[in-house]
Amino acid sequence: MKGFCGQALWIDLDQQVAEKKPLDEELLRVYPGGGLLGTYQVYRLTEADTEALSPRNPLVIATGPAAGAAVSGVSRASACALSPLTGAIGESQAGGQLAPALKKAGLDALVITGRATRPLWLRIENERVSFEEASEITGLSTVEVLDRLEEKCGREAVIVQCGPAGEKQVRFANMLSGRNDVFGRTGLGAVLGSKNLRALVVSGSGTAVFADSEALKSLARRGAQRLEQASFPLTLSRHGTPGVVGFQAQAGNLASHNHSRGSIEGYEKLAGESFEPLMGAGATTCYGCVVRCRRKVKHLQAGIHDGLGGPEFETLGLLGSNLDITDPVEVARANQLCNELGLDTITTGALLAWLMECRERGLINPAQLDGIDLCFGNAEAARELIRRIGQRQGIGHLLADGFGRAIEHFGRSCEPYAVHTKNQGFAVHLPQVKPSQALIYAASPIGPDHQSSEHDWLLEAGGDDCFGLGIVGRGDRASTGPAKIRMTVFSQQYYSLLDTLCLCMFCWGPGNLFTYSELTELVRAATGWGVTFHELMKAGERRIHLMRRLNARRGFDRRQDRLPRRMFEPLGEGPSRGRQVAENFGELLDQYYQVLGCDPLTGHPTPGKLLELGLEWTF
């Protein structure tokens, strides 16, 4: 087998044993890695009533067929489990060095089951697997754990950990991979913590074997040569994701004041052009990638560590503009605190913004927040509440379960201002401005996610990037007609394919470094299979519908695919003033389900669609 190692490591924490099991080539042809292979394993290993924080919930980490090749954007890893935040399927992806490290250790996936009787960390080194006592690192910050485990295992080893928030099973805890990469969404850090497993350390001395190494080298050269002419990847290369703050704010697509406005005065201070000279400490990159989009930050004040990952665009929005904070140092400090605790900055920021608005409206008072006067713009109060959430202290214990429990506690009068779907906070991109995101935030099986489809520019641009996905018709960014529905569904299928193959959208998304035909070329060169783009797109569809089928088994239906009230209110001051989600959103959602292959009454995949995708075994 080429591209794949053909092996998964099954880790039974109940018995403290690890066993390598083969992955059949025919299985991998249908479920070729990443979120699709992960969802397949989670579906097989869980029941309708499996609790996300129970030992019965597996955590699956999987790579793609090209991981370990020195080609830009091919070495991400996927983590998948039942989400303790949404209750549905959860998946998140991270770049960096983990996927190549797994390949060097001879593995395509890890399947972690059960719960250890005492805190452990796991060391995986080629053929050797050891279960190590974790009492010395329990309760420490992620930075302290990195320092200690790197001293034991060497800086070449890749460390994945849950942080103190995961230990305490905060439902939106993340998993940190190395010093700069994060499995940020859906609360998978809480799953790791629920298993009494604080960290995984992966290293290997093997080499990934591919079918056509020369073809992969050719792809790598093409990507590198195109960087200077590729607008979006070039912006990321120069400034990281903070480089998009400016044009998003100018377009009225920078969430501010709890998603009620599309821009904020002083946004320029958060933009990459300003942020980089002030705080930049160099760039880092994923394995083999020329874009180098991730920025490290330097020490300016207490609480910011030299050389660690700085805030991305989403964090600059959710812990910055959406809280009416435009001081980049304050946002970096809040980001650092979330990283040390292991918290998803998006849902954390969305919760803080909601509480700030409730405080502004007189619906809650400081006494209800342990005396913290959480007002818009108050960075110190925000950090204090972040600490309490990450440690489950005081009011933070309740907030650590997310919006649902907090609304029950503070009262239904607060609910209209809570910006979430399925208990997961919204990203900084505004559905009021981007109709495609309104559909995806409502209906994505992993909860609201801004990287589950391409954004509305694609339909407006047209050309090969649009037609190549079979999108018929034209429309502008604000349009809500049939062409926008097709764009949303077909680009969702393509992005689902990227999450199956563990490819980065910054390199492989429409209009970036590589074309659709080159994606097919990549998989052929890695595996030797005679795949077609049609076959690969079906794998993307298969992931979406297997996820929706799993969610249906757990009781989810169309009633959970909804948007909060805030989305139907006109945006306030700024370039997008007056914009809101269309009043006929229900009709648009009907059309979305029909094009996707779901019953518009339930949102469930139709039997015919499941049969088409080879998922009849889920009946």
Foldseek 3Di string as FASTA:
>chain_A
DFLALQWEWEAEQVVRDIDIDGHDPVNCLQQFKFLSVQLVVQLVQDFLPDAQLALSKKKKKFAGSQAQFLAAFQNKIKIWTQFLQQSFIAMFIKFACVRNLQVQLSHGMYIYGGAHPAAWEWERENPDIDTHHCPVPAPFFPVVVLVVVCVVPNPVKKKKFFFLLLLVLLRQFWIDIRQEMIRGGRRVSVNCNSRSYGMYITGHRHHRGFQASVLSVVNRVLLVVCQVVQVLLVLLLVQAQLQCQVVQQQQLFQQALLNQTSHAPLLVCSHRVNCCVVFFQDFDGGRNHPSRRWTAGDDDDPQHHGPGTFDHSQLCRLLDRHLPHRNRVLSRNLVSLCNRLRGNSQQLSLVLSLVQVCCVVVLDQCVQVVNQGRHRHPSVSSSVLSVCLSNVHDVNVQCSNADPSVCVVSHVVSQLSRFFFSRGHETRGACLQAVLQLQCQLQQLNHRDPQLFDTQVDQQVDDCLQVVLVQDDHDHRRDLDPSSLSRSQSRSLVSLLCSSNSGDCCAAPRSHSDDLVVVQVSSCRRYVDPDDSVSSSLSSLSSRQSSLLSRVSNPAWSVSSHGRNSQQAARPDGNRGGGHHDPVVLVSSLSNLVVSQHHSVTSHHDCVSCVVSVNNVSD
